[in-house]
Amino acid sequence: MFVLANLIHALAQVLDLLLHFYSIILVVRVIVSWVNADPFNPLVRFLYQATEPVLHRVRRTLPVTYAGIDFSPLIVLLAIVLLQAFLVSSLHDIARRL
């Protein structure tokens, strides 16, 4: 049973790390959009390609623009925090009980 508990614990840590990295990528993309960076820069292209599918889905589902400001990154960041607080914590608790 301890092997399964260790596996679940490791999956929870990896999921937490991936969500944390994605939130950093999202924040950097927001900052890059404020400074009007070169759209042909490979880093800027990576940021947009990594975040646009999720942001587009949020924009399509919810009307999250107000006065020309796009609040979809904020919605995605809140969802990431919710996933980290609920899913990752639940996986850690399941691993502890095994």
PDB file of N, CA and C in Angstrom:
ATOM      1  N   MET A   1       0.811  -1.199   0.000  1.00  0.00           N
ATOM      2  CA  MET A   1       0.000   0.000   0.000  1.00  0.00           C
ATOM      3  C   MET A   1       0.858   1.268   0.000  1.00  0.00           C
ATOM      4  N   PHE A   2       2.025   1.187   0.637  1.00  0.00           N
ATOM      5  CA  PHE A   2       2.866   2.375   0.724  1.00  0.00           C
ATOM      6  C   PHE A   2       3.370   2.815  -0.648  1.00  0.00           C
ATOM      7  N   VAL A   3       3.486   1.865  -1.587  1.00  0.00           N
ATOM      8  CA  VAL A   3       3.934   2.225  -2.936  1.00  0.00           C
ATOM      9  C   VAL A   3       2.873   3.080  -3.615  1.00  0.00           C
ATOM     10  N   LEU A   4       1.620   2.701  -3.476  1.00  0.00           N
ATOM     11  CA  LEU A   4       0.523   3.488  -4.048  1.00  0.00           C
ATOM     12  C   LEU A   4       0.446   4.869  -3.398  1.00  0.00           C
ATOM     13  N   ALA A   5       0.655   4.916  -2.083  1.00  0.00           N
ATOM     14  CA  ALA A   5       0.644   6.199  -1.380  1.00  0.00           C
ATOM     15  C   ALA A   5       1.769   7.098  -1.871  1.00  0.00           C
ATOM     16  N   ASN A   6       2.948   6.521  -2.073  1.00  0.00           N
ATOM     17  CA  ASN A   6       4.071   7.309  -2.585  1.00  0.00           C
ATOM     18  C   ASN A   6       3.812   7.796  -4.007  1.00  0.00           C
ATOM     19  N   LEU A   7       3.181   6.948  -4.817  1.00  0.00           N
ATOM     20  CA  LEU A   7       2.854   7.343  -6.186  1.00  0.00           C
ATOM     21  C   LEU A   7       1.863   8.497  -6.198  1.00  0.00           C
ATOM     22  N   ILE A   8       0.827   8.416  -5.388  1.00  0.00           N
ATOM     23  CA  ILE A   8      -0.173   9.500  -5.323  1.00  0.00           C
ATOM     24  C   ILE A   8       0.459  10.776  -4.795  1.00  0.00           C
ATOM     25  N   HIS A   9       1.326  10.646  -3.800  1.00  0.00           N
ATOM     26  CA  HIS A   9       2.018  11.817  -3.257  1.00  0.00           C
ATOM     27  C   HIS A   9       2.907  12.467  -4.321  1.00  0.00           C
ATOM     28  N   ALA A  10       3.615  11.652  -5.089  1.00  0.00           N
ATOM     29  CA  ALA A  10       4.474  12.176  -6.150  1.00  0.00           C
ATOM     30  C   ALA A  10       3.653  12.847  -7.244  1.00  0.00           C
ATOM     31  N   LEU A  11       2.516  12.245  -7.607  1.00  0.00           N
ATOM     32  CA  LEU A  11       1.642  12.865  -8.613  1.00  0.00           C
ATOM     33  C   LEU A  11       1.106  14.206  -8.126  1.00  0.00           C
ATOM     34  N   ALA A  12       0.784  14.281  -6.845  1.00  0.00           N
ATOM     35  CA  ALA A  12       0.305  15.547  -6.290  1.00  0.00           C
ATOM     36  C   ALA A  12       1.393  16.614  -6.354  1.00  0.00           C
ATOM     37  N   GLN A  13       2.628  16.228  -6.061  1.00  0.00           N
ATOM     38  CA  GLN A  13       3.726  17.198  -6.120  1.00  0.00           C
ATOM     39  C   GLN A  13       3.993  17.661  -7.546  1.00  0.00           C
ATOM     40  N   VAL A  14       3.946  16.735  -8.490  1.00  0.00           N
ATOM     41  CA  VAL A  14       4.172  17.097  -9.893  1.00  0.00           C
ATOM     42  C   VAL A  14       3.051  18.007 -10.388  1.00  0.00           C
ATOM     43  N   LEU A  15       1.812  17.684 -10.036  1.00  0.00           N
ATOM     44  CA  LEU A  15       0.686  18.523 -10.430  1.00  0.00           C
ATOM     45  C   LEU A  15       0.804  19.918  -9.834  1.00  0.00           C
ATOM     46  N   ASP A  16       1.196  20.005  -8.581  1.00  0.00           N
ATOM     47  CA  ASP A  16       1.381  21.299  -7.939  1.00  0.00           C
ATOM     48  C   ASP A  16       2.469  22.102  -8.628  1.00  0.00           C
ATOM     49  N   LEU A  17       3.558  21.445  -8.990  1.00  0.00           N
ATOM     50  CA  LEU A  17       4.662  22.120  -9.679  1.00  0.00           C
ATOM     51  C   LEU A  17       4.238  22.605 -11.063  1.00  0.00           C
ATOM     52  N   LEU A  18       3.514  21.770 -11.806  1.00  0.00           N
ATOM     53  CA  LEU A  18       3.048  22.172 -13.139  1.00  0.00           C
ATOM     54  C   LEU A  18       2.077  23.348 -13.068  1.00  0.00           C
ATOM     55  N   LEU A  19       1.177  23.315 -12.101  1.00  0.00           N
ATOM     56  CA  LEU A  19       0.246  24.438 -11.944  1.00  0.00           C
ATOM     57  C   LEU A  19       0.984  25.709 -11.554  1.00  0.00           C
ATOM     58  N   HIS A  20       1.995  25.581 -10.729  1.00  0.00           N
ATOM     59  CA  HIS A  20       2.777  26.747 -10.337  1.00  0.00           C
ATOM     60  C   HIS A  20       3.528  27.339 -11.537  1.00  0.00           C
ATOM     61  N   PHE A  21       4.164  26.485 -12.335  1.00  0.00           N
ATOM     62  CA  PHE A  21       4.864  26.962 -13.528  1.00  0.00           C
ATOM     63  C   PHE A  21       3.907  27.612 -14.518  1.00  0.00           C
ATOM     64  N   TYR A  22       2.720  27.024 -14.685  1.00  0.00           N
ATOM     65  CA  TYR A  22       1.769  27.610 -15.623  1.00  0.00           C
ATOM     66  C   TYR A  22       1.286  28.967 -15.130  1.00  0.00           C
ATOM     67  N   SER A  23       1.126  29.116 -13.829  1.00  0.00           N
ATOM     68  CA  SER A  23       0.714  30.425 -13.316  1.00  0.00           C
ATOM     69  C   SER A  23       1.816  31.458 -13.535  1.00  0.00           C
ATOM     70  N   ILE A  24       3.074  31.059 -13.414  1.00  0.00           N
ATOM     71  CA  ILE A  24       4.184  31.981 -13.692  1.00  0.00           C
ATOM     72  C   ILE A  24       4.180  32.368 -15.168  1.00  0.00           C
ATOM     73  N   ILE A  25       3.998  31.398 -16.048  1.00  0.00           N
ATOM     74  CA  ILE A  25       3.939  31.678 -17.486  1.00  0.00           C
ATOM     75  C   ILE A  25       2.794  32.636 -17.788  1.00  0.00           C
ATOM     76  N   LEU A  26       1.672  32.455 -17.130  1.00  0.00           N
ATOM     77  CA  LEU A  26       0.521  33.329 -17.345  1.00  0.00           C
ATOM     78  C   LEU A  26       0.797  34.755 -16.876  1.00  0.00           C
ATOM     79  N   VAL A  27       1.427  34.904 -15.741  1.00  0.00           N
ATOM     80  CA  VAL A  27       1.758  36.241 -15.233  1.00  0.00           C
ATOM     81  C   VAL A  27       2.769  36.925 -16.153  1.00  0.00           C
ATOM     82  N   VAL A  28       3.757  36.185 -16.624  1.00  0.00           N
ATOM     83  CA  VAL A  28       4.740  36.761 -17.550  1.00  0.00           C
ATOM     84  C   VAL A  28       4.060  37.178 -18.845  1.00  0.00           C
ATOM     85  N   ARG A  29       3.100  36.389 -19.326  1.00  0.00           N
ATOM     86  CA  ARG A  29       2.381  36.762 -20.544  1.00  0.00           C
ATOM     87  C   ARG A  29       1.605  38.057 -20.348  1.00  0.00           C
ATOM     88  N   VAL A  30       0.993  38.232 -19.184  1.00  0.00           N
ATOM     89  CA  VAL A  30       0.268  39.475 -18.909  1.00  0.00           C
ATOM     90  C   VAL A  30       1.223  40.658 -18.909  1.00  0.00           C
ATOM     91  N   ILE A  31       2.371  40.505 -18.278  1.00  0.00           N
ATOM     92  CA  ILE A  31       3.351  41.592 -18.243  1.00  0.00           C
ATOM     93  C   ILE A  31       3.858  41.907 -19.645  1.00  0.00           C
ATOM     94  N   VAL A  32       4.107  40.867 -20.450  1.00  0.00           N
ATOM     95  CA  VAL A  32       4.574  41.077 -21.821  1.00  0.00           C
ATOM     96  C   VAL A  32       3.512  41.801 -22.645  1.00  0.00           C
ATOM     97  N   SER A  33       2.257  41.509 -22.401  1.00  0.00           N
ATOM     98  CA  SER A  33       1.204  42.192 -23.153  1.00  0.00           C
ATOM     99  C   SER A  33       1.116  43.672 -22.784  1.00  0.00           C
ATOM    100  N   TRP A  34       1.535  44.037 -21.592  1.00  0.00           N
ATOM    101  CA  TRP A  34       1.526  45.438 -21.186  1.00  0.00           C
ATOM    102  C   TRP A  34       2.644  46.229 -21.831  1.00  0.00           C
ATOM    103  N   VAL A  35       3.794  45.608 -22.093  1.00  0.00           N
ATOM    104  CA  VAL A  35       4.943  46.354 -22.597  1.00  0.00           C
ATOM    105  C   VAL A  35       5.046  46.336 -24.115  1.00  0.00           C
ATOM    106  N   ASN A  36       4.101  45.701 -24.781  1.00  0.00           N
ATOM    107  CA  ASN A  36       4.064  45.679 -26.246  1.00  0.00           C
ATOM    108  C   ASN A  36       5.356  45.109 -26.828  1.00  0.00           C
ATOM    109  N   ALA A  37       5.641  43.870 -26.457  1.00  0.00           N
ATOM    110  CA  ALA A  37       6.866  43.204 -26.909  1.00  0.00           C
ATOM    111  C   ALA A  37       6.747  42.791 -28.373  1.00  0.00           C
ATOM    112  N   ASP A  38       7.886  42.470 -28.964  1.00  0.00           N
ATOM    113  CA  ASP A  38       7.948  42.040 -30.360  1.00  0.00           C
ATOM    114  C   ASP A  38       7.226  40.703 -30.518  1.00  0.00           C
ATOM    115  N   PRO A  39       6.174  40.630 -31.351  1.00  0.00           N
ATOM    116  CA  PRO A  39       5.424  39.377 -31.488  1.00  0.00           C
ATOM    117  C   PRO A  39       6.202  38.273 -32.202  1.00  0.00           C
ATOM    118  N   PHE A  40       7.319  38.593 -32.828  1.00  0.00           N
ATOM    119  CA  PHE A  40       8.117  37.588 -33.523  1.00  0.00           C
ATOM    120  C   PHE A  40       9.244  37.031 -32.646  1.00  0.00           C
ATOM    121  N   ASN A  41       9.375  37.541 -31.441  1.00  0.00           N
ATOM    122  CA  ASN A  41      10.347  37.019 -30.500  1.00  0.00           C
ATOM    123  C   ASN A  41       9.928  35.600 -30.102  1.00  0.00           C
ATOM    124  N   PRO A  42      10.846  34.636 -30.113  1.00  0.00           N
ATOM    125  CA  PRO A  42      10.477  33.250 -29.785  1.00  0.00           C
ATOM    126  C   PRO A  42       9.901  33.084 -28.376  1.00  0.00           C
ATOM    127  N   LEU A  43      10.400  33.850 -27.420  1.00  0.00           N
ATOM    128  CA  LEU A  43       9.867  33.758 -26.068  1.00  0.00           C
ATOM    129  C   LEU A  43       8.429  34.263 -26.009  1.00  0.00           C
ATOM    130  N   VAL A  44       8.159  35.362 -26.675  1.00  0.00           N
ATOM    131  CA  VAL A  44       6.807  35.912 -26.703  1.00  0.00           C
ATOM    132  C   VAL A  44       5.867  34.952 -27.420  1.00  0.00           C
ATOM    133  N   ARG A  45       6.324  34.362 -28.500  1.00  0.00           N
ATOM    134  CA  ARG A  45       5.495  33.391 -29.228  1.00  0.00           C
ATOM    135  C   ARG A  45       5.198  32.173 -28.360  1.00  0.00           C
ATOM    136  N   PHE A  46       6.198  31.705 -27.598  1.00  0.00           N
ATOM    137  CA  PHE A  46       5.966  30.579 -26.691  1.00  0.00           C
ATOM    138  C   PHE A  46       4.928  30.928 -25.633  1.00  0.00           C
ATOM    139  N   LEU A  47       5.052  32.123 -25.057  1.00  0.00           N
ATOM    140  CA  LEU A  47       4.098  32.535 -24.028  1.00  0.00           C
ATOM    141  C   LEU A  47       2.674  32.556 -24.569  1.00  0.00           C
ATOM    142  N   TYR A  48       2.496  33.100 -25.765  1.00  0.00           N
ATOM    143  CA  TYR A  48       1.163  33.168 -26.347  1.00  0.00           C
ATOM    144  C   TYR A  48       0.650  31.785 -26.738  1.00  0.00           C
ATOM    145  N   GLN A  49       1.519  30.934 -27.278  1.00  0.00           N
ATOM    146  CA  GLN A  49       1.083  29.595 -27.664  1.00  0.00           C
ATOM    147  C   GLN A  49       0.760  28.729 -26.445  1.00  0.00           C
ATOM    148  N   ALA A  50       1.443  28.959 -25.333  1.00  0.00           N
ATOM    149  CA  ALA A  50       1.202  28.162 -24.133  1.00  0.00           C
ATOM    150  C   ALA A  50      -0.057  28.595 -23.390  1.00  0.00           C
ATOM    151  N   THR A  51      -0.425  29.866 -23.500  1.00  0.00           N
ATOM    152  CA  THR A  51      -1.543  30.368 -22.702  1.00  0.00           C
ATOM    153  C   THR A  51      -2.810  30.643 -23.502  1.00  0.00           C
ATOM    154  N   GLU A  52      -2.691  30.886 -24.770  1.00  0.00           N
ATOM    155  CA  GLU A  52      -3.865  31.286 -25.558  1.00  0.00           C
ATOM    156  C   GLU A  52      -4.963  30.223 -25.622  1.00  0.00           C
ATOM    157  N   PRO A  53      -4.658  28.925 -25.735  1.00  0.00           N
ATOM    158  CA  PRO A  53      -5.776  27.961 -25.764  1.00  0.00           C
ATOM    159  C   PRO A  53      -6.665  28.022 -24.522  1.00  0.00           C
ATOM    160  N   VAL A  54      -6.062  28.155 -23.352  1.00  0.00           N
ATOM    161  CA  VAL A  54      -6.845  28.224 -22.116  1.00  0.00           C
ATOM    162  C   VAL A  54      -7.576  29.557 -22.024  1.00  0.00           C
ATOM    163  N   LEU A  55      -6.871  30.644 -22.333  1.00  0.00           N
ATOM    164  CA  LEU A  55      -7.507  31.959 -22.248  1.00  0.00           C
ATOM    165  C   LEU A  55      -8.634  32.105 -23.265  1.00  0.00           C
ATOM    166  N   HIS A  56      -8.453  31.550 -24.443  1.00  0.00           N
ATOM    167  CA  HIS A  56      -9.498  31.623 -25.458  1.00  0.00           C
ATOM    168  C   HIS A  56     -10.753  30.879 -25.006  1.00  0.00           C
ATOM    169  N   ARG A  57     -10.551  29.729 -24.382  1.00  0.00           N
ATOM    170  CA  ARG A  57     -11.695  28.958 -23.885  1.00  0.00           C
ATOM    171  C   ARG A  57     -12.456  29.735 -22.809  1.00  0.00           C
ATOM    172  N   VAL A  58     -11.724  30.430 -21.933  1.00  0.00           N
ATOM    173  CA  VAL A  58     -12.371  31.230 -20.890  1.00  0.00           C
ATOM    174  C   VAL A  58     -13.099  32.410 -21.515  1.00  0.00           C
ATOM    175  N   ARG A  59     -12.461  33.074 -22.485  1.00  0.00           N
ATOM    176  CA  ARG A  59     -13.103  34.217 -23.151  1.00  0.00           C
ATOM    177  C   ARG A  59     -14.360  33.800 -23.893  1.00  0.00           C
ATOM    178  N   ARG A  60     -14.339  32.617 -24.473  1.00  0.00           N
ATOM    179  CA  ARG A  60     -15.491  32.127 -25.229  1.00  0.00           C
ATOM    180  C   ARG A  60     -16.643  31.758 -24.291  1.00  0.00           C
ATOM    181  N   THR A  61     -16.316  31.236 -23.108  1.00  0.00           N
ATOM    182  CA  THR A  61     -17.329  30.788 -22.167  1.00  0.00           C
ATOM    183  C   THR A  61     -17.919  31.941 -21.366  1.00  0.00           C
ATOM    184  N   LEU A  62     -17.069  32.811 -20.873  1.00  0.00           N
ATOM    185  CA  LEU A  62     -17.507  33.912 -20.008  1.00  0.00           C
ATOM    186  C   LEU A  62     -17.180  35.257 -20.650  1.00  0.00           C
ATOM    187  N   PRO A  63     -18.065  36.215 -20.531  1.00  0.00           N
ATOM    188  CA  PRO A  63     -17.717  37.573 -20.996  1.00  0.00           C
ATOM    189  C   PRO A  63     -16.845  38.262 -19.949  1.00  0.00           C
ATOM    190  N   VAL A  64     -15.535  38.178 -20.124  1.00  0.00           N
ATOM    191  CA  VAL A  64     -14.613  38.651 -19.096  1.00  0.00           C
ATOM    192  C   VAL A  64     -13.863  39.917 -19.496  1.00  0.00           C
ATOM    193  N   THR A  65     -14.385  40.661 -20.446  1.00  0.00           N
ATOM    194  CA  THR A  65     -13.757  41.941 -20.781  1.00  0.00           C
ATOM    195  C   THR A  65     -14.655  43.062 -20.265  1.00  0.00           C
ATOM    196  N   TYR A  66     -14.025  44.050 -19.690  1.00  0.00           N
ATOM    197  CA  TYR A  66     -14.749  45.199 -19.174  1.00  0.00           C
ATOM    198  C   TYR A  66     -13.913  46.433 -19.456  1.00  0.00           C
ATOM    199  N   ALA A  67     -14.496  47.368 -20.177  1.00  0.00           N
ATOM    200  CA  ALA A  67     -13.833  48.629 -20.531  1.00  0.00           C
ATOM    201  C   ALA A  67     -12.515  48.385 -21.252  1.00  0.00           C
ATOM    202  N   GLY A  68     -12.473  47.377 -22.091  1.00  0.00           N
ATOM    203  CA  GLY A  68     -11.282  47.084 -22.872  1.00  0.00           C
ATOM    204  C   GLY A  68     -10.207  46.302 -22.135  1.00  0.00           C
ATOM    205  N   ILE A  69     -10.484  45.915 -20.903  1.00  0.00           N
ATOM    206  CA  ILE A  69      -9.513  45.149 -20.120  1.00  0.00           C
ATOM    207  C   ILE A  69      -9.957  43.696 -20.093  1.00  0.00           C
ATOM    208  N   ASP A  70      -9.033  42.800 -20.419  1.00  0.00           N
ATOM    209  CA  ASP A  70      -9.317  41.376 -20.458  1.00  0.00           C
ATOM    210  C   ASP A  70      -9.010  40.760 -19.092  1.00  0.00           C
ATOM    211  N   PHE A  71     -10.039  40.224 -18.452  1.00  0.00           N
ATOM    212  CA  PHE A  71      -9.872  39.625 -17.135  1.00  0.00           C
ATOM    213  C   PHE A  71      -9.735  38.102 -17.192  1.00  0.00           C
ATOM    214  N   SER A  72      -9.596  37.530 -18.381  1.00  0.00           N
ATOM    215  CA  SER A  72      -9.482  36.072 -18.483  1.00  0.00           C
ATOM    216  C   SER A  72      -8.228  35.525 -17.789  1.00  0.00           C
ATOM    217  N   PRO A  73      -7.064  36.206 -17.807  1.00  0.00           N
ATOM    218  CA  PRO A  73      -5.930  35.672 -17.032  1.00  0.00           C
ATOM    219  C   PRO A  73      -6.219  35.603 -15.536  1.00  0.00           C
ATOM    220  N   LEU A  74      -6.970  36.555 -15.025  1.00  0.00           N
ATOM    221  CA  LEU A  74      -7.327  36.531 -13.612  1.00  0.00           C
ATOM    222  C   LEU A  74      -8.226  35.336 -13.298  1.00  0.00           C
ATOM    223  N   ILE A  75      -9.176  35.038 -14.178  1.00  0.00           N
ATOM    224  CA  ILE A  75     -10.058  33.885 -13.994  1.00  0.00           C
ATOM    225  C   ILE A  75      -9.244  32.601 -14.006  1.00  0.00           C
ATOM    226  N   VAL A  76      -8.279  32.484 -14.922  1.00  0.00           N
ATOM    227  CA  VAL A  76      -7.452  31.282 -15.011  1.00  0.00           C
ATOM    228  C   VAL A  76      -6.560  31.162 -13.774  1.00  0.00           C
ATOM    229  N   LEU A  77      -6.005  32.269 -13.303  1.00  0.00           N
ATOM    230  CA  LEU A  77      -5.189  32.220 -12.093  1.00  0.00           C
ATOM    231  C   LEU A  77      -6.008  31.787 -10.880  1.00  0.00           C
ATOM    232  N   LEU A  78      -7.234  32.263 -10.788  1.00  0.00           N
ATOM    233  CA  LEU A  78      -8.109  31.835  -9.692  1.00  0.00           C
ATOM    234  C   LEU A  78      -8.423  30.347  -9.793  1.00  0.00           C
ATOM    235  N   ALA A  79      -8.614  29.860 -10.997  1.00  0.00           N
ATOM    236  CA  ALA A  79      -8.858  28.425 -11.189  1.00  0.00           C
ATOM    237  C   ALA A  79      -7.630  27.606 -10.797  1.00  0.00           C
ATOM    238  N   ILE A  80      -6.443  28.106 -11.099  1.00  0.00           N
ATOM    239  CA  ILE A  80      -5.215  27.407 -10.713  1.00  0.00           C
ATOM    240  C   ILE A  80      -5.089  27.354  -9.197  1.00  0.00           C
ATOM    241  N   VAL A  81      -5.380  28.457  -8.533  1.00  0.00           N
ATOM    242  CA  VAL A  81      -5.321  28.479  -7.068  1.00  0.00           C
ATOM    243  C   VAL A  81      -6.342  27.505  -6.484  1.00  0.00           C
ATOM    244  N   LEU A  82      -7.520  27.455  -7.072  1.00  0.00           N
ATOM    245  CA  LEU A  82      -8.543  26.518  -6.607  1.00  0.00           C
ATOM    246  C   LEU A  82      -8.084  25.076  -6.798  1.00  0.00           C
ATOM    247  N   LEU A  83      -7.493  24.773  -7.939  1.00  0.00           N
ATOM    248  CA  LEU A  83      -6.988  23.420  -8.173  1.00  0.00           C
ATOM    249  C   LEU A  83      -5.874  23.063  -7.199  1.00  0.00           C
ATOM    250  N   GLN A  84      -5.006  24.013  -6.926  1.00  0.00           N
ATOM    251  CA  GLN A  84      -3.927  23.737  -5.980  1.00  0.00           C
ATOM    252  C   GLN A  84      -4.469  23.533  -4.564  1.00  0.00           C
ATOM    253  N   ALA A  85      -5.451  24.322  -4.196  1.00  0.00           N
ATOM    254  CA  ALA A  85      -5.993  24.212  -2.845  1.00  0.00           C
ATOM    255  C   ALA A  85      -6.860  22.968  -2.677  1.00  0.00           C
ATOM    256  N   PHE A  86      -7.593  22.596  -3.697  1.00  0.00           N
ATOM    257  CA  PHE A  86      -8.525  21.478  -3.570  1.00  0.00           C
ATOM    258  C   PHE A  86      -7.917  20.158  -4.042  1.00  0.00           C
ATOM    259  N   LEU A  87      -7.509  20.093  -5.282  1.00  0.00           N
ATOM    260  CA  LEU A  87      -7.092  18.823  -5.871  1.00  0.00           C
ATOM    261  C   LEU A  87      -5.760  18.340  -5.302  1.00  0.00           C
ATOM    262  N   VAL A  88      -4.777  19.214  -5.250  1.00  0.00           N
ATOM    263  CA  VAL A  88      -3.465  18.808  -4.757  1.00  0.00           C
ATOM    264  C   VAL A  88      -3.554  18.440  -3.278  1.00  0.00           C
ATOM    265  N   SER A  89      -4.272  19.231  -2.506  1.00  0.00           N
ATOM    266  CA  SER A  89      -4.434  18.911  -1.085  1.00  0.00           C
ATOM    267  C   SER A  89      -5.180  17.601  -0.898  1.00  0.00           C
ATOM    268  N   SER A  90      -6.190  17.362  -1.703  1.00  0.00           N
ATOM    269  CA  SER A  90      -6.939  16.107  -1.613  1.00  0.00           C
ATOM    270  C   SER A  90      -6.058  14.912  -1.951  1.00  0.00           C
ATOM    271  N   LEU A  91      -5.218  15.052  -2.958  1.00  0.00           N
ATOM    272  CA  LEU A  91      -4.308  13.963  -3.304  1.00  0.00           C
ATOM    273  C   LEU A  91      -3.303  13.691  -2.180  1.00  0.00           C
ATOM    274  N   HIS A  92      -2.814  14.749  -1.551  1.00  0.00           N
ATOM    275  CA  HIS A  92      -1.908  14.562  -0.421  1.00  0.00           C
ATOM    276  C   HIS A  92      -2.625  13.854   0.732  1.00  0.00           C
ATOM    277  N   ASP A  93      -3.862  14.228   1.002  1.00  0.00           N
ATOM    278  CA  ASP A  93      -4.617  13.587   2.073  1.00  0.00           C
ATOM    279  C   ASP A  93      -4.881  12.112   1.763  1.00  0.00           C
ATOM    280  N   ILE A  94      -5.208  11.806   0.510  1.00  0.00           N
ATOM    281  CA  ILE A  94      -5.420  10.419   0.122  1.00  0.00           C
ATOM    282  C   ILE A  94      -4.134   9.613   0.306  1.00  0.00           C
ATOM    283  N   ALA A  95      -3.002  10.193  -0.069  1.00  0.00           N
ATOM    284  CA  ALA A  95      -1.729   9.504   0.076  1.00  0.00           C
ATOM    285  C   ALA A  95      -1.389   9.267   1.544  1.00  0.00           C
ATOM    286  N   ARG A  96      -1.716  10.221   2.413  1.00  0.00           N
ATOM    287  CA  ARG A  96      -1.441  10.064   3.835  1.00  0.00           C
ATOM    288  C   ARG A  96      -2.287   8.953   4.456  1.00  0.00           C
ATOM    289  N   ARG A  97      -3.529   8.822   3.990  1.00  0.00           N
ATOM    290  CA  ARG A  97      -4.430   7.818   4.558  1.00  0.00           C
ATOM    291  C   ARG A  97      -4.107   6.407   4.094  1.00  0.00           C
ATOM    292  N   LEU A  98      -3.404   6.304   2.976  1.00  0.00           N
ATOM    293  CA  LEU A  98      -3.009   4.971   2.518  1.00  0.00           C
ATOM    294  C   LEU A  98      -1.807   4.553   3.297  1.00  0.00           C
TER     295      LEU A  98
END
